[in-house]
């Protein structure tokens, strides 16, 4: 498929996590079945702990080197997504009130237009005022500057 990106690093890290979960269960069961001071299960406990540490270390290094390093935010796309995300109206609830937020959300959803356009259409705010208000409550610092 053109443009397909293989998520092998994510899948590999996920498989390692499952193996570590299994090792943890084995260690828990082995530790709970030891008698008094003599735990005959110590070899399997040590083996599984050491294996888990090695697996996690290798997987995190591989994930970092082959997946995370070099990633950059696409700020323009983030701004577009946030401005078109209807759930961002919840951030304005303390400032606008629940009923106004519901009114804006429902109208925007029904009309398939942005929250800012809806607020203007309902004569509550201009688009610029609404976007400024929304930027003031968005959690990402870079977006507030925009």
N, C-alpha and C. Protein backbone atom coordinates (compact mmCIF):
# COMPACT_ATOMS: atom_id res chain seq x y z
N UNK A 1 0.84 -1.17 0.00
CA UNK A 1 0.00 0.00 0.00
C UNK A 1 0.90 1.24 0.00
N UNK A 2 0.67 2.16 -0.92
CA UNK A 2 1.50 3.37 -0.98
C UNK A 2 1.37 4.20 0.30
N UNK A 3 2.49 4.65 0.80
CA UNK A 3 2.49 5.52 1.97
C UNK A 3 2.34 4.80 3.30
N UNK A 4 2.24 3.48 3.27
CA UNK A 4 2.06 2.73 4.51
C UNK A 4 3.36 2.76 5.31
N UNK A 5 3.22 3.00 6.60
CA UNK A 5 4.37 2.98 7.49
C UNK A 5 4.20 1.78 8.42
N UNK A 6 5.20 0.93 8.46
CA UNK A 6 5.13 -0.27 9.28
C UNK A 6 5.39 0.07 10.74
N UNK A 7 4.46 -0.22 11.62
CA UNK A 7 4.64 0.10 13.04
C UNK A 7 5.38 -1.00 13.79
N UNK A 8 6.43 -1.55 13.20
CA UNK A 8 7.11 -2.69 13.82
C UNK A 8 7.71 -2.35 15.17
N UNK A 9 8.22 -1.15 15.36
CA UNK A 9 8.82 -0.79 16.65
C UNK A 9 7.76 -0.76 17.74
N UNK A 10 6.60 -0.23 17.44
CA UNK A 10 5.50 -0.20 18.42
C UNK A 10 5.05 -1.62 18.76
N UNK A 11 4.93 -2.43 17.74
CA UNK A 11 4.51 -3.82 17.97
C UNK A 11 5.56 -4.57 18.78
N UNK A 12 6.83 -4.36 18.47
CA UNK A 12 7.90 -5.04 19.20
C UNK A 12 7.90 -4.63 20.67
N UNK A 13 7.73 -3.34 20.94
CA UNK A 13 7.69 -2.87 22.32
C UNK A 13 6.48 -3.44 23.06
N UNK A 14 5.38 -3.53 22.37
CA UNK A 14 4.18 -4.12 22.96
C UNK A 14 4.39 -5.60 23.30
N UNK A 15 5.04 -6.33 22.42
CA UNK A 15 5.33 -7.75 22.69
C UNK A 15 6.28 -7.91 23.87
N UNK A 16 7.27 -7.04 23.96
CA UNK A 16 8.19 -7.09 25.10
C UNK A 16 7.42 -6.86 26.39
N UNK A 17 6.52 -5.89 26.37
CA UNK A 17 5.72 -5.61 27.58
C UNK A 17 4.90 -6.83 27.99
N UNK A 18 4.32 -7.52 27.02
CA UNK A 18 3.56 -8.74 27.34
C UNK A 18 4.46 -9.80 27.95
N UNK A 19 5.66 -9.95 27.41
CA UNK A 19 6.61 -10.93 27.96
C UNK A 19 6.98 -10.56 29.39
N UNK A 20 7.20 -9.28 29.65
CA UNK A 20 7.54 -8.82 31.00
C UNK A 20 6.37 -9.07 31.95
N UNK A 21 5.15 -8.86 31.48
CA UNK A 21 3.98 -9.16 32.32
C UNK A 21 3.97 -10.64 32.70
N UNK A 22 4.26 -11.49 31.72
CA UNK A 22 4.32 -12.93 31.99
C UNK A 22 5.43 -13.27 32.97
N UNK A 23 6.58 -12.65 32.79
CA UNK A 23 7.69 -12.88 33.72
C UNK A 23 7.31 -12.42 35.13
N UNK A 24 6.62 -11.31 35.22
CA UNK A 24 6.20 -10.80 36.52
C UNK A 24 5.25 -11.78 37.21
N UNK A 25 4.34 -12.35 36.45
CA UNK A 25 3.42 -13.34 37.03
C UNK A 25 4.20 -14.55 37.53
N UNK A 26 5.15 -15.01 36.75
CA UNK A 26 5.98 -16.15 37.17
C UNK A 26 6.74 -15.83 38.44
N UNK A 27 7.33 -14.63 38.52
CA UNK A 27 8.07 -14.22 39.72
C UNK A 27 7.13 -14.16 40.91
N UNK A 28 5.94 -13.62 40.74
CA UNK A 28 4.97 -13.52 41.84
C UNK A 28 4.57 -14.90 42.35
N UNK A 29 4.27 -15.80 41.42
CA UNK A 29 3.87 -17.15 41.82
C UNK A 29 5.03 -17.89 42.50
N UNK A 30 6.21 -17.74 41.94
CA UNK A 30 7.38 -18.41 42.52
C UNK A 30 7.67 -17.88 43.92
N UNK A 31 7.57 -16.58 44.10
CA UNK A 31 7.84 -15.99 45.41
C UNK A 31 6.79 -16.41 46.43
N UNK A 32 5.56 -16.58 45.99
CA UNK A 32 4.50 -16.96 46.94
C UNK A 32 4.52 -18.45 47.29
N UNK A 33 5.23 -19.26 46.51
CA UNK A 33 5.25 -20.70 46.76
C UNK A 33 6.50 -21.18 47.47
N UNK A 34 7.38 -20.26 47.80
CA UNK A 34 8.59 -20.66 48.53
C UNK A 34 8.25 -21.03 49.97
N UNK A 35 8.94 -22.03 50.53
CA UNK A 35 8.69 -22.46 51.90
C UNK A 35 9.74 -21.87 52.84
N UNK A 36 9.25 -21.16 53.85
CA UNK A 36 10.09 -20.60 54.90
C UNK A 36 11.26 -19.82 54.31
N UNK A 37 12.47 -20.05 54.82
CA UNK A 37 13.64 -19.33 54.34
C UNK A 37 14.23 -19.94 53.08
N UNK A 38 13.79 -21.15 52.75
CA UNK A 38 14.35 -21.86 51.61
C UNK A 38 13.38 -21.74 50.43
N UNK A 39 13.70 -20.89 49.49
CA UNK A 39 12.85 -20.74 48.32
C UNK A 39 13.53 -21.43 47.16
N UNK A 40 13.01 -22.60 46.82
CA UNK A 40 13.61 -23.37 45.73
C UNK A 40 13.32 -22.75 44.37
N UNK A 41 12.51 -21.73 44.35
CA UNK A 41 12.16 -21.06 43.09
C UNK A 41 13.07 -19.86 42.78
N UNK A 42 14.09 -19.64 43.60
CA UNK A 42 14.96 -18.48 43.37
C UNK A 42 15.58 -18.46 41.98
N UNK A 43 16.00 -19.56 41.41
CA UNK A 43 16.59 -19.49 40.05
C UNK A 43 15.61 -18.92 39.01
N UNK A 44 14.35 -19.34 39.07
CA UNK A 44 13.39 -18.82 38.08
C UNK A 44 13.06 -17.36 38.37
N UNK A 45 13.07 -16.97 39.63
CA UNK A 45 12.84 -15.56 39.99
C UNK A 45 13.96 -14.70 39.42
N UNK A 46 15.19 -15.07 39.69
CA UNK A 46 16.34 -14.30 39.21
C UNK A 46 16.37 -14.28 37.69
N UNK A 47 16.15 -15.43 37.07
CA UNK A 47 16.17 -15.52 35.61
C UNK A 47 15.14 -14.57 34.99
N UNK A 48 13.91 -14.60 35.50
CA UNK A 48 12.85 -13.79 34.90
C UNK A 48 13.07 -12.30 35.13
N UNK A 49 13.57 -11.93 36.30
CA UNK A 49 13.86 -10.52 36.56
C UNK A 49 14.98 -10.04 35.63
N UNK A 50 16.02 -10.81 35.51
CA UNK A 50 17.14 -10.42 34.64
C UNK A 50 16.69 -10.35 33.17
N UNK A 51 15.90 -11.34 32.75
CA UNK A 51 15.40 -11.34 31.38
C UNK A 51 14.53 -10.11 31.12
N UNK A 52 13.67 -9.78 32.06
CA UNK A 52 12.80 -8.62 31.89
C UNK A 52 13.60 -7.33 31.79
N UNK A 53 14.61 -7.18 32.63
CA UNK A 53 15.43 -5.97 32.58
C UNK A 53 16.14 -5.86 31.24
N UNK A 54 16.67 -6.96 30.74
CA UNK A 54 17.39 -6.94 29.47
C UNK A 54 16.43 -6.65 28.31
N UNK A 55 15.27 -7.32 28.31
CA UNK A 55 14.29 -7.10 27.26
C UNK A 55 13.84 -5.64 27.22
N UNK A 56 13.50 -5.09 28.39
CA UNK A 56 13.04 -3.71 28.44
C UNK A 56 14.12 -2.73 28.02
N UNK A 57 15.34 -2.96 28.47
CA UNK A 57 16.44 -2.08 28.10
C UNK A 57 16.67 -2.08 26.59
N UNK A 58 16.74 -3.27 26.01
CA UNK A 58 16.96 -3.37 24.56
C UNK A 58 15.79 -2.78 23.77
N UNK A 59 14.57 -3.07 24.21
CA UNK A 59 13.39 -2.60 23.48
C UNK A 59 13.27 -1.08 23.55
N UNK A 60 13.54 -0.51 24.71
CA UNK A 60 13.45 0.95 24.83
C UNK A 60 14.53 1.65 24.00
N UNK A 61 15.72 1.08 23.96
CA UNK A 61 16.78 1.64 23.13
C UNK A 61 16.41 1.57 21.66
N UNK A 62 15.90 0.43 21.23
CA UNK A 62 15.50 0.26 19.83
C UNK A 62 14.34 1.19 19.48
N UNK A 63 13.36 1.29 20.36
CA UNK A 63 12.21 2.16 20.12
C UNK A 63 12.66 3.62 20.01
N UNK A 64 13.54 4.01 20.90
CA UNK A 64 14.04 5.39 20.87
C UNK A 64 14.82 5.66 19.58
N UNK A 65 15.76 4.77 19.25
CA UNK A 65 16.61 4.97 18.08
C UNK A 65 15.84 4.90 16.77
N UNK A 66 14.87 3.99 16.67
CA UNK A 66 14.22 3.71 15.39
C UNK A 66 12.83 4.30 15.23
N UNK A 67 12.31 4.91 16.30
CA UNK A 67 10.94 5.42 16.20
C UNK A 67 10.80 6.85 16.71
N UNK A 68 11.35 7.14 17.86
CA UNK A 68 11.11 8.44 18.49
C UNK A 68 12.10 9.51 18.01
N UNK A 69 13.37 9.16 17.93
CA UNK A 69 14.38 10.16 17.53
C UNK A 69 14.04 10.75 16.17
N UNK A 70 14.07 12.05 16.12
CA UNK A 70 13.80 12.75 14.87
C UNK A 70 12.35 13.16 14.68
N UNK A 71 11.47 12.74 15.56
CA UNK A 71 10.07 13.16 15.44
C UNK A 71 9.96 14.65 15.76
N UNK A 72 9.13 15.33 15.00
CA UNK A 72 8.90 16.75 15.23
C UNK A 72 7.40 17.03 15.18
N UNK A 73 6.97 18.01 15.97
CA UNK A 73 5.58 18.43 15.95
C UNK A 73 5.29 19.18 14.65
N UNK A 74 4.14 18.92 14.09
CA UNK A 74 3.67 19.67 12.93
C UNK A 74 2.68 20.69 13.48
N UNK A 75 3.23 21.84 13.92
CA UNK A 75 2.46 22.82 14.67
C UNK A 75 1.23 23.32 13.92
N UNK A 76 1.36 23.55 12.64
CA UNK A 76 0.23 24.05 11.86
C UNK A 76 -0.92 23.04 11.87
N UNK A 77 -0.59 21.75 11.73
CA UNK A 77 -1.63 20.72 11.74
C UNK A 77 -2.25 20.58 13.12
N UNK A 78 -1.44 20.71 14.17
CA UNK A 78 -1.97 20.66 15.53
C UNK A 78 -2.97 21.78 15.75
N UNK A 79 -2.63 22.99 15.28
CA UNK A 79 -3.54 24.12 15.42
C UNK A 79 -4.86 23.88 14.68
N UNK A 80 -4.76 23.33 13.48
CA UNK A 80 -5.98 23.02 12.71
C UNK A 80 -6.82 21.99 13.44
N UNK A 81 -6.18 20.92 13.91
CA UNK A 81 -6.92 19.86 14.61
C UNK A 81 -7.60 20.38 15.86
N UNK A 82 -6.89 21.21 16.62
CA UNK A 82 -7.48 21.75 17.84
C UNK A 82 -8.63 22.71 17.54
N UNK A 83 -8.49 23.50 16.51
CA UNK A 83 -9.56 24.45 16.19
C UNK A 83 -10.81 23.73 15.67
N UNK A 84 -10.63 22.54 15.10
CA UNK A 84 -11.76 21.79 14.57
C UNK A 84 -12.26 20.71 15.54
N UNK A 85 -11.65 20.61 16.70
CA UNK A 85 -12.00 19.57 17.66
C UNK A 85 -13.12 20.07 18.57
N UNK A 86 -14.27 19.47 18.45
CA UNK A 86 -15.42 19.91 19.23
C UNK A 86 -15.23 19.71 20.72
N UNK A 87 -14.39 18.76 21.12
CA UNK A 87 -14.22 18.50 22.55
C UNK A 87 -13.50 19.66 23.25
N UNK A 88 -12.83 20.55 22.50
CA UNK A 88 -12.16 21.68 23.13
C UNK A 88 -13.14 22.65 23.76
N UNK A 89 -14.41 22.54 23.43
CA UNK A 89 -15.42 23.40 24.05
C UNK A 89 -15.50 23.14 25.56
N UNK A 90 -15.16 21.93 25.97
CA UNK A 90 -15.20 21.60 27.40
C UNK A 90 -14.22 22.46 28.20
N UNK A 91 -13.13 22.88 27.57
CA UNK A 91 -12.17 23.75 28.24
C UNK A 91 -12.75 25.12 28.56
N UNK A 92 -13.75 25.51 27.78
CA UNK A 92 -14.35 26.83 27.98
C UNK A 92 -15.53 26.81 28.94
N UNK A 93 -15.94 25.66 29.36
CA UNK A 93 -17.10 25.55 30.24
C UNK A 93 -17.00 26.43 31.50
N UNK A 94 -15.85 26.46 32.18
CA UNK A 94 -15.79 27.33 33.36
C UNK A 94 -15.97 28.82 33.01
N UNK A 95 -15.49 29.23 31.85
CA UNK A 95 -15.57 30.64 31.47
C UNK A 95 -16.93 31.01 30.88
N UNK A 96 -17.49 30.13 30.04
CA UNK A 96 -18.73 30.45 29.34
C UNK A 96 -19.98 29.92 30.03
N UNK A 97 -19.82 28.90 30.80
CA UNK A 97 -20.97 28.24 31.40
C UNK A 97 -21.38 27.04 30.58
N UNK A 98 -21.92 26.07 31.26
CA UNK A 98 -22.27 24.79 30.64
C UNK A 98 -23.30 24.97 29.53
N UNK A 99 -24.35 25.73 29.79
CA UNK A 99 -25.45 25.86 28.82
C UNK A 99 -24.99 26.49 27.51
N UNK A 100 -24.16 27.52 27.60
CA UNK A 100 -23.63 28.17 26.39
C UNK A 100 -22.76 27.19 25.61
N UNK A 101 -21.91 26.45 26.33
CA UNK A 101 -21.04 25.47 25.66
C UNK A 101 -21.85 24.40 24.95
N UNK A 102 -22.91 23.93 25.58
CA UNK A 102 -23.77 22.92 24.95
C UNK A 102 -24.41 23.50 23.71
N UNK A 103 -24.87 24.73 23.80
CA UNK A 103 -25.52 25.37 22.65
C UNK A 103 -24.53 25.50 21.48
N UNK A 104 -23.32 25.95 21.76
CA UNK A 104 -22.31 26.09 20.71
C UNK A 104 -21.96 24.72 20.12
N UNK A 105 -21.76 23.74 20.99
CA UNK A 105 -21.39 22.39 20.52
C UNK A 105 -22.47 21.80 19.62
N UNK A 106 -23.72 21.85 20.09
CA UNK A 106 -24.80 21.23 19.32
C UNK A 106 -24.98 21.89 17.96
N UNK A 107 -24.92 23.22 17.94
CA UNK A 107 -25.07 23.93 16.67
C UNK A 107 -23.90 23.62 15.72
N UNK A 108 -22.68 23.63 16.26
CA UNK A 108 -21.51 23.32 15.42
C UNK A 108 -21.59 21.91 14.87
N UNK A 109 -22.01 20.99 15.71
CA UNK A 109 -22.13 19.60 15.30
C UNK A 109 -23.20 19.43 14.22
N UNK A 110 -24.34 20.08 14.41
CA UNK A 110 -25.45 19.96 13.44
C UNK A 110 -25.12 20.64 12.11
N UNK A 111 -24.44 21.78 12.18
CA UNK A 111 -24.15 22.56 10.97
C UNK A 111 -22.82 22.18 10.32
N UNK A 112 -22.02 21.37 11.02
CA UNK A 112 -20.70 20.96 10.52
C UNK A 112 -19.81 22.17 10.24
N UNK A 113 -19.78 23.08 11.22
CA UNK A 113 -18.91 24.25 11.12
C UNK A 113 -18.09 24.34 12.40
N UNK A 114 -17.08 25.19 12.39
CA UNK A 114 -16.19 25.30 13.55
C UNK A 114 -16.92 25.91 14.74
N UNK A 115 -16.32 25.71 15.91
CA UNK A 115 -16.89 26.28 17.13
C UNK A 115 -16.89 27.81 17.06
N UNK A 116 -15.81 28.37 16.52
CA UNK A 116 -15.72 29.83 16.42
C UNK A 116 -16.79 30.38 15.48
N UNK A 117 -16.99 29.71 14.35
CA UNK A 117 -18.03 30.15 13.41
C UNK A 117 -19.41 30.03 14.03
N UNK A 118 -19.60 29.00 14.82
CA UNK A 118 -20.88 28.81 15.49
C UNK A 118 -21.13 29.90 16.53
N UNK A 119 -20.10 30.21 17.32
CA UNK A 119 -20.25 31.26 18.33
C UNK A 119 -20.60 32.58 17.66
N UNK A 120 -20.01 32.84 16.51
CA UNK A 120 -20.33 34.07 15.77
C UNK A 120 -21.74 34.02 15.21
N UNK A 121 -22.12 32.88 14.68
CA UNK A 121 -23.46 32.71 14.11
C UNK A 121 -24.54 32.88 15.16
N UNK A 122 -24.25 32.48 16.39
CA UNK A 122 -25.20 32.62 17.49
C UNK A 122 -25.12 34.00 18.16
N UNK A 123 -24.30 34.88 17.58
CA UNK A 123 -24.10 36.23 18.10
C UNK A 123 -23.61 36.26 19.54
N UNK A 124 -22.76 35.30 19.87
CA UNK A 124 -22.17 35.25 21.21
C UNK A 124 -20.79 35.90 21.22
N UNK A 125 -19.98 35.61 20.21
CA UNK A 125 -18.62 36.14 20.08
C UNK A 125 -18.32 36.28 18.60
N UNK A 126 -17.36 37.14 18.29
CA UNK A 126 -16.83 37.12 16.93
C UNK A 126 -15.88 35.93 16.85
N UNK A 127 -15.55 35.53 15.63
CA UNK A 127 -14.61 34.41 15.46
C UNK A 127 -13.29 34.72 16.16
N UNK A 128 -12.81 35.93 15.99
CA UNK A 128 -11.52 36.32 16.58
C UNK A 128 -11.58 36.27 18.10
N UNK A 129 -12.66 36.79 18.68
CA UNK A 129 -12.82 36.76 20.14
C UNK A 129 -12.86 35.32 20.65
N UNK A 130 -13.62 34.48 19.96
CA UNK A 130 -13.76 33.10 20.41
C UNK A 130 -12.44 32.35 20.29
N UNK A 131 -11.73 32.53 19.19
CA UNK A 131 -10.44 31.85 19.01
C UNK A 131 -9.42 32.33 20.04
N UNK A 132 -9.46 33.62 20.37
CA UNK A 132 -8.57 34.14 21.40
C UNK A 132 -8.90 33.51 22.75
N UNK A 133 -10.17 33.40 23.05
CA UNK A 133 -10.61 32.77 24.30
C UNK A 133 -10.19 31.30 24.34
N UNK A 134 -10.35 30.62 23.23
CA UNK A 134 -9.97 29.21 23.15
C UNK A 134 -8.45 29.04 23.31
N UNK A 135 -7.68 29.88 22.65
CA UNK A 135 -6.22 29.81 22.78
C UNK A 135 -5.77 30.05 24.22
N UNK A 136 -6.51 30.84 24.96
CA UNK A 136 -6.11 31.15 26.34
C UNK A 136 -6.26 29.95 27.27
N UNK A 137 -7.06 28.98 26.89
CA UNK A 137 -7.26 27.80 27.76
C UNK A 137 -6.63 26.53 27.22
N UNK A 138 -6.08 26.57 26.01
CA UNK A 138 -5.46 25.36 25.44
C UNK A 138 -4.21 25.01 26.22
N UNK A 139 -3.99 23.70 26.44
CA UNK A 139 -2.89 23.27 27.30
C UNK A 139 -1.50 23.40 26.71
N UNK A 140 -1.35 23.50 25.39
CA UNK A 140 -0.03 23.53 24.78
C UNK A 140 0.46 24.97 24.64
N UNK A 141 1.62 25.24 25.20
CA UNK A 141 2.18 26.58 25.21
C UNK A 141 2.37 27.13 23.80
N UNK A 142 2.87 26.30 22.88
CA UNK A 142 3.15 26.77 21.54
C UNK A 142 1.89 27.25 20.83
N UNK A 143 0.78 26.60 21.11
CA UNK A 143 -0.47 26.94 20.45
C UNK A 143 -1.01 28.27 20.97
N UNK A 144 -0.79 28.55 22.24
CA UNK A 144 -1.25 29.81 22.81
C UNK A 144 -0.63 31.00 22.10
N UNK A 145 0.64 30.84 21.63
CA UNK A 145 1.32 31.93 20.95
C UNK A 145 0.67 32.22 19.60
N UNK A 146 0.14 31.13 18.96
CA UNK A 146 -0.38 31.21 17.60
C UNK A 146 -1.50 32.14 17.46
